[in-house]
Amino acid sequence: MHTRELKHIDAGEYLTVEEAASLLGLKEMSIRNYLSDGKLTTYKFKSLTLLKKEEVMKWKDRQRGT
């Protein structure tokens, strides 16, 4: 698992697991499995588990085959 600790965040740059799951049309557990498998990078800010929006959008494009 790739985890990076953040000292501050730009709210528009990161998504919660719930937001990423909604955007990708997946269940939260699927996103957590991808994070655990190292397929997506985990970012931690305080008690939040976050994903970079840019990385999620690239993942979405790959899943659509574009």
PDB file of N, CA and C in Angstrom:
ATOM      1  N   MET A   1       0.859  -1.178   0.000  1.00  0.00           N
ATOM      2  CA  MET A   1       0.000   0.000   0.000  1.00  0.00           C
ATOM      3  C   MET A   1       0.897   1.230   0.000  1.00  0.00           C
ATOM      4  N   HIS A   2       0.541   2.183  -0.819  1.00  0.00           N
ATOM      5  CA  HIS A   2       1.255   3.446  -0.897  1.00  0.00           C
ATOM      6  C   HIS A   2       0.478   4.468  -0.080  1.00  0.00           C
ATOM      7  N   THR A   3       1.057   4.894   1.041  1.00  0.00           N
ATOM      8  CA  THR A   3       0.384   5.869   1.895  1.00  0.00           C
ATOM      9  C   THR A   3       1.276   7.080   2.074  1.00  0.00           C
ATOM     10  N   ARG A   4       0.691   8.241   1.919  1.00  0.00           N
ATOM     11  CA  ARG A   4       1.422   9.491   2.119  1.00  0.00           C
ATOM     12  C   ARG A   4       0.667  10.339   3.122  1.00  0.00           C
ATOM     13  N   GLU A   5       1.394  10.849   4.112  1.00  0.00           N
ATOM     14  CA  GLU A   5       0.807  11.732   5.129  1.00  0.00           C
ATOM     15  C   GLU A   5       0.803  13.163   4.603  1.00  0.00           C
ATOM     16  N   LEU A   6      -0.296  13.846   4.765  1.00  0.00           N
ATOM     17  CA  LEU A   6      -0.425  15.231   4.328  1.00  0.00           C
ATOM     18  C   LEU A   6      -0.458  16.159   5.526  1.00  0.00           C
ATOM     19  N   LYS A   7       0.202  17.301   5.404  1.00  0.00           N
ATOM     20  CA  LYS A   7       0.188  18.301   6.473  1.00  0.00           C
ATOM     21  C   LYS A   7      -0.948  19.299   6.249  1.00  0.00           C
ATOM     22  N   HIS A   8      -1.341  19.511   4.999  1.00  0.00           N
ATOM     23  CA  HIS A   8      -2.477  20.357   4.654  1.00  0.00           C
ATOM     24  C   HIS A   8      -3.059  19.833   3.346  1.00  0.00           C
ATOM     25  N   ILE A   9      -4.294  20.194   3.056  1.00  0.00           N
ATOM     26  CA  ILE A   9      -4.913  19.725   1.822  1.00  0.00           C
ATOM     27  C   ILE A   9      -5.609  20.863   1.099  1.00  0.00           C
ATOM     28  N   ASP A  10      -5.679  20.731  -0.198  1.00  0.00           N
ATOM     29  CA  ASP A  10      -6.496  21.598  -1.041  1.00  0.00           C
ATOM     30  C   ASP A  10      -7.755  20.791  -1.313  1.00  0.00           C
ATOM     31  N   ALA A  11      -8.870  21.237  -0.781  1.00  0.00           N
ATOM     32  CA  ALA A  11     -10.115  20.467  -0.826  1.00  0.00           C
ATOM     33  C   ALA A  11     -10.497  20.035  -2.240  1.00  0.00           C
ATOM     34  N   GLY A  12     -10.195  20.815  -3.238  1.00  0.00           N
ATOM     35  CA  GLY A  12     -10.549  20.464  -4.609  1.00  0.00           C
ATOM     36  C   GLY A  12      -9.631  19.432  -5.231  1.00  0.00           C
ATOM     37  N   GLU A  13      -8.533  19.127  -4.557  1.00  0.00           N
ATOM     38  CA  GLU A  13      -7.520  18.222  -5.103  1.00  0.00           C
ATOM     39  C   GLU A  13      -7.700  16.773  -4.642  1.00  0.00           C
ATOM     40  N   TYR A  14      -8.448  16.562  -3.559  1.00  0.00           N
ATOM     41  CA  TYR A  14      -8.586  15.230  -2.976  1.00  0.00           C
ATOM     42  C   TYR A  14     -10.041  14.828  -2.841  1.00  0.00           C
ATOM     43  N   LEU A  15     -10.266  13.508  -2.840  1.00  0.00           N
ATOM     44  CA  LEU A  15     -11.595  12.941  -2.646  1.00  0.00           C
ATOM     45  C   LEU A  15     -11.562  11.976  -1.471  1.00  0.00           C
ATOM     46  N   THR A  16     -12.680  11.868  -0.773  1.00  0.00           N
ATOM     47  CA  THR A  16     -12.798  10.832   0.246  1.00  0.00           C
ATOM     48  C   THR A  16     -13.051   9.502  -0.465  1.00  0.00           C
ATOM     49  N   VAL A  17     -12.951   8.418   0.271  1.00  0.00           N
ATOM     50  CA  VAL A  17     -13.228   7.098  -0.288  1.00  0.00           C
ATOM     51  C   VAL A  17     -14.668   7.063  -0.807  1.00  0.00           C
ATOM     52  N   GLU A  18     -15.579   7.624  -0.039  1.00  0.00           N
ATOM     53  CA  GLU A  18     -16.994   7.657  -0.444  1.00  0.00           C
ATOM     54  C   GLU A  18     -17.183   8.424  -1.750  1.00  0.00           C
ATOM     55  N   GLU A  19     -16.537   9.590  -1.868  1.00  0.00           N
ATOM     56  CA  GLU A  19     -16.655  10.396  -3.086  1.00  0.00           C
ATOM     57  C   GLU A  19     -16.056   9.676  -4.289  1.00  0.00           C
ATOM     58  N   ALA A  20     -14.907   9.040  -4.096  1.00  0.00           N
ATOM     59  CA  ALA A  20     -14.260   8.304  -5.187  1.00  0.00           C
ATOM     60  C   ALA A  20     -15.129   7.135  -5.636  1.00  0.00           C
ATOM     61  N   ALA A  21     -15.708   6.415  -4.696  1.00  0.00           N
ATOM     62  CA  ALA A  21     -16.579   5.286  -5.025  1.00  0.00           C
ATOM     63  C   ALA A  21     -17.774   5.764  -5.838  1.00  0.00           C
ATOM     64  N   SER A  22     -18.377   6.863  -5.431  1.00  0.00           N
ATOM     65  CA  SER A  22     -19.523   7.416  -6.139  1.00  0.00           C
ATOM     66  C   SER A  22     -19.137   7.824  -7.561  1.00  0.00           C
ATOM     67  N   LEU A  23     -18.017   8.490  -7.694  1.00  0.00           N
ATOM     68  CA  LEU A  23     -17.545   8.954  -8.992  1.00  0.00           C
ATOM     69  C   LEU A  23     -17.267   7.789  -9.936  1.00  0.00           C
ATOM     70  N   LEU A  24     -16.724   6.692  -9.401  1.00  0.00           N
ATOM     71  CA  LEU A  24     -16.369   5.537 -10.228  1.00  0.00           C
ATOM     72  C   LEU A  24     -17.509   4.531 -10.364  1.00  0.00           C
ATOM     73  N   GLY A  25     -18.591   4.748  -9.629  1.00  0.00           N
ATOM     74  CA  GLY A  25     -19.704   3.813  -9.683  1.00  0.00           C
ATOM     75  C   GLY A  25     -19.385   2.488  -9.007  1.00  0.00           C
ATOM     76  N   LEU A  26     -18.568   2.544  -7.937  1.00  0.00           N
ATOM     77  CA  LEU A  26     -18.151   1.356  -7.207  1.00  0.00           C
ATOM     78  C   LEU A  26     -18.584   1.453  -5.749  1.00  0.00           C
ATOM     79  N   LYS A  27     -18.482   0.352  -5.057  1.00  0.00           N
ATOM     80  CA  LYS A  27     -18.733   0.350  -3.618  1.00  0.00           C
ATOM     81  C   LYS A  27     -17.472   0.828  -2.898  1.00  0.00           C
ATOM     82  N   GLU A  28     -17.668   1.410  -1.716  1.00  0.00           N
ATOM     83  CA  GLU A  28     -16.527   1.902  -0.931  1.00  0.00           C
ATOM     84  C   GLU A  28     -15.521   0.794  -0.665  1.00  0.00           C
ATOM     85  N   MET A  29     -16.003  -0.422  -0.415  1.00  0.00           N
ATOM     86  CA  MET A  29     -15.100  -1.535  -0.123  1.00  0.00           C
ATOM     87  C   MET A  29     -14.190  -1.826  -1.318  1.00  0.00           C
ATOM     88  N   SER A  30     -14.691  -1.663  -2.523  1.00  0.00           N
ATOM     89  CA  SER A  30     -13.852  -1.866  -3.714  1.00  0.00           C
ATOM     90  C   SER A  30     -12.715  -0.853  -3.736  1.00  0.00           C
ATOM     91  N   ILE A  31     -13.026   0.398  -3.419  1.00  0.00           N
ATOM     92  CA  ILE A  31     -11.992   1.440  -3.379  1.00  0.00           C
ATOM     93  C   ILE A  31     -10.970   1.097  -2.292  1.00  0.00           C
ATOM     94  N   ARG A  32     -11.440   0.695  -1.130  1.00  0.00           N
ATOM     95  CA  ARG A  32     -10.515   0.329  -0.040  1.00  0.00           C
ATOM     96  C   ARG A  32      -9.642  -0.855  -0.445  1.00  0.00           C
ATOM     97  N   ASN A  33     -10.193  -1.803  -1.195  1.00  0.00           N
ATOM     98  CA  ASN A  33      -9.392  -2.934  -1.686  1.00  0.00           C
ATOM     99  C   ASN A  33      -8.332  -2.456  -2.667  1.00  0.00           C
ATOM    100  N   TYR A  34      -8.688  -1.534  -3.574  1.00  0.00           N
ATOM    101  CA  TYR A  34      -7.707  -0.976  -4.501  1.00  0.00           C
ATOM    102  C   TYR A  34      -6.589  -0.266  -3.744  1.00  0.00           C
ATOM    103  N   LEU A  35      -6.959   0.458  -2.697  1.00  0.00           N
ATOM    104  CA  LEU A  35      -5.949   1.143  -1.883  1.00  0.00           C
ATOM    105  C   LEU A  35      -5.045   0.126  -1.197  1.00  0.00           C
ATOM    106  N   SER A  36      -5.629  -0.895  -0.633  1.00  0.00           N
ATOM    107  CA  SER A  36      -4.874  -1.932   0.059  1.00  0.00           C
ATOM    108  C   SER A  36      -3.940  -2.680  -0.893  1.00  0.00           C
ATOM    109  N   ASP A  37      -4.402  -2.895  -2.127  1.00  0.00           N
ATOM    110  CA  ASP A  37      -3.602  -3.600  -3.137  1.00  0.00           C
ATOM    111  C   ASP A  37      -2.555  -2.705  -3.781  1.00  0.00           C
ATOM    112  N   GLY A  38      -2.560  -1.413  -3.441  1.00  0.00           N
ATOM    113  CA  GLY A  38      -1.583  -0.482  -4.010  1.00  0.00           C
ATOM    114  C   GLY A  38      -1.934  -0.013  -5.410  1.00  0.00           C
ATOM    115  N   LYS A  39      -3.163  -0.240  -5.846  1.00  0.00           N
ATOM    116  CA  LYS A  39      -3.583   0.188  -7.182  1.00  0.00           C
ATOM    117  C   LYS A  39      -3.873   1.679  -7.228  1.00  0.00           C
ATOM    118  N   LEU A  40      -4.199   2.246  -6.089  1.00  0.00           N
ATOM    119  CA  LEU A  40      -4.387   3.688  -5.938  1.00  0.00           C
ATOM    120  C   LEU A  40      -3.593   4.132  -4.712  1.00  0.00           C
ATOM    121  N   THR A  41      -3.121   5.368  -4.728  1.00  0.00           N
ATOM    122  CA  THR A  41      -2.328   5.891  -3.620  1.00  0.00           C
ATOM    123  C   THR A  41      -3.231   6.412  -2.508  1.00  0.00           C
ATOM    124  N   THR A  42      -2.921   6.034  -1.285  1.00  0.00           N
ATOM    125  CA  THR A  42      -3.649   6.500  -0.111  1.00  0.00           C
ATOM    126  C   THR A  42      -2.977   7.752   0.430  1.00  0.00           C
ATOM    127  N   TYR A  43      -3.768   8.753   0.717  1.00  0.00           N
ATOM    128  CA  TYR A  43      -3.291   9.964   1.370  1.00  0.00           C
ATOM    129  C   TYR A  43      -4.032  10.070   2.694  1.00  0.00           C
ATOM    130  N   LYS A  44      -3.307  10.352   3.754  1.00  0.00           N
ATOM    131  CA  LYS A  44      -3.906  10.490   5.082  1.00  0.00           C
ATOM    132  C   LYS A  44      -3.771  11.941   5.523  1.00  0.00           C
ATOM    133  N   PHE A  45      -4.879  12.500   5.958  1.00  0.00           N
ATOM    134  CA  PHE A  45      -4.895  13.823   6.571  1.00  0.00           C
ATOM    135  C   PHE A  45      -5.707  13.705   7.841  1.00  0.00           C
ATOM    136  N   LYS A  46      -5.016  13.826   8.949  1.00  0.00           N
ATOM    137  CA  LYS A  46      -5.631  13.596  10.261  1.00  0.00           C
ATOM    138  C   LYS A  46      -6.268  12.212  10.240  1.00  0.00           C
ATOM    139  N   SER A  47      -7.570  12.101  10.435  1.00  0.00           N
ATOM    140  CA  SER A  47      -8.202  10.778  10.439  1.00  0.00           C
ATOM    141  C   SER A  47      -8.838  10.421   9.090  1.00  0.00           C
ATOM    142  N   LEU A  48      -8.674  11.287   8.091  1.00  0.00           N
ATOM    143  CA  LEU A  48      -9.285  11.053   6.784  1.00  0.00           C
ATOM    144  C   LEU A  48      -8.398  10.208   5.880  1.00  0.00           C
ATOM    145  N   THR A  49      -9.018   9.307   5.137  1.00  0.00           N
ATOM    146  CA  THR A  49      -8.347   8.581   4.068  1.00  0.00           C
ATOM    147  C   THR A  49      -8.791   9.234   2.767  1.00  0.00           C
ATOM    148  N   LEU A  50      -7.831   9.724   1.989  1.00  0.00           N
ATOM    149  CA  LEU A  50      -8.134  10.489   0.790  1.00  0.00           C
ATOM    150  C   LEU A  50      -7.447   9.898  -0.434  1.00  0.00           C
ATOM    151  N   LEU A  51      -7.964  10.253  -1.590  1.00  0.00           N
ATOM    152  CA  LEU A  51      -7.370   9.892  -2.864  1.00  0.00           C
ATOM    153  C   LEU A  51      -7.231  11.164  -3.674  1.00  0.00           C
ATOM    154  N   LYS A  52      -6.182  11.238  -4.484  1.00  0.00           N
ATOM    155  CA  LYS A  52      -6.009  12.401  -5.332  1.00  0.00           C
ATOM    156  C   LYS A  52      -7.031  12.345  -6.463  1.00  0.00           C
ATOM    157  N   LYS A  53      -7.765  13.422  -6.642  1.00  0.00           N
ATOM    158  CA  LYS A  53      -8.819  13.475  -7.646  1.00  0.00           C
ATOM    159  C   LYS A  53      -8.265  13.163  -9.036  1.00  0.00           C
ATOM    160  N   GLU A  54      -7.105  13.697  -9.351  1.00  0.00           N
ATOM    161  CA  GLU A  54      -6.479  13.473 -10.657  1.00  0.00           C
ATOM    162  C   GLU A  54      -6.225  11.981 -10.903  1.00  0.00           C
ATOM    163  N   GLU A  55      -5.756  11.279  -9.881  1.00  0.00           N
ATOM    164  CA  GLU A  55      -5.490   9.848 -10.003  1.00  0.00           C
ATOM    165  C   GLU A  55      -6.789   9.060 -10.194  1.00  0.00           C
ATOM    166  N   VAL A  56      -7.835   9.447  -9.487  1.00  0.00           N
ATOM    167  CA  VAL A  56      -9.136   8.785  -9.621  1.00  0.00           C
ATOM    168  C   VAL A  56      -9.693   9.004 -11.034  1.00  0.00           C
ATOM    169  N   MET A  57      -9.558  10.205 -11.565  1.00  0.00           N
ATOM    170  CA  MET A  57     -10.052  10.493 -12.913  1.00  0.00           C
ATOM    171  C   MET A  57      -9.283   9.682 -13.960  1.00  0.00           C
ATOM    172  N   LYS A  58      -7.978   9.528 -13.779  1.00  0.00           N
ATOM    173  CA  LYS A  58      -7.184   8.697 -14.698  1.00  0.00           C
ATOM    174  C   LYS A  58      -7.629   7.243 -14.611  1.00  0.00           C
ATOM    175  N   TRP A  59      -7.896   6.773 -13.399  1.00  0.00           N
ATOM    176  CA  TRP A  59      -8.388   5.404 -13.189  1.00  0.00           C
ATOM    177  C   TRP A  59      -9.720   5.223 -13.918  1.00  0.00           C
ATOM    178  N   LYS A  60     -10.590   6.223 -13.791  1.00  0.00           N
ATOM    179  CA  LYS A  60     -11.907   6.172 -14.446  1.00  0.00           C
ATOM    180  C   LYS A  60     -11.744   6.063 -15.958  1.00  0.00           C
ATOM    181  N   ASP A  61     -10.853   6.871 -16.521  1.00  0.00           N
ATOM    182  CA  ASP A  61     -10.598   6.846 -17.962  1.00  0.00           C
ATOM    183  C   ASP A  61     -10.066   5.482 -18.412  1.00  0.00           C
ATOM    184  N   ARG A  62      -9.163   4.895 -17.616  1.00  0.00           N
ATOM    185  CA  ARG A  62      -8.621   3.571 -17.948  1.00  0.00           C
ATOM    186  C   ARG A  62      -9.721   2.515 -17.933  1.00  0.00           C
ATOM    187  N   GLN A  63     -10.648   2.613 -16.973  1.00  0.00           N
ATOM    188  CA  GLN A  63     -11.722   1.637 -16.862  1.00  0.00           C
ATOM    189  C   GLN A  63     -12.680   1.744 -18.060  1.00  0.00           C
ATOM    190  N   ARG A  64     -12.805   2.941 -18.608  1.00  0.00           N
ATOM    191  CA  ARG A  64     -13.673   3.140 -19.780  1.00  0.00           C
ATOM    192  C   ARG A  64     -12.947   2.811 -21.061  1.00  0.00           C
ATOM    193  N   GLY A  65     -11.619   2.612 -20.956  1.00  0.00           N
ATOM    194  CA  GLY A  65     -10.834   2.279 -22.146  1.00  0.00           C
ATOM    195  C   GLY A  65     -10.437   3.456 -22.998  1.00  0.00           C
ATOM    196  N   THR A  66     -10.386   4.654 -22.373  1.00  0.00           N
ATOM    197  CA  THR A  66      -9.971   5.834 -23.139  1.00  0.00           C
ATOM    198  C   THR A  66      -8.564   6.217 -22.808  1.00  0.00           C
TER     199      THR A  66
END
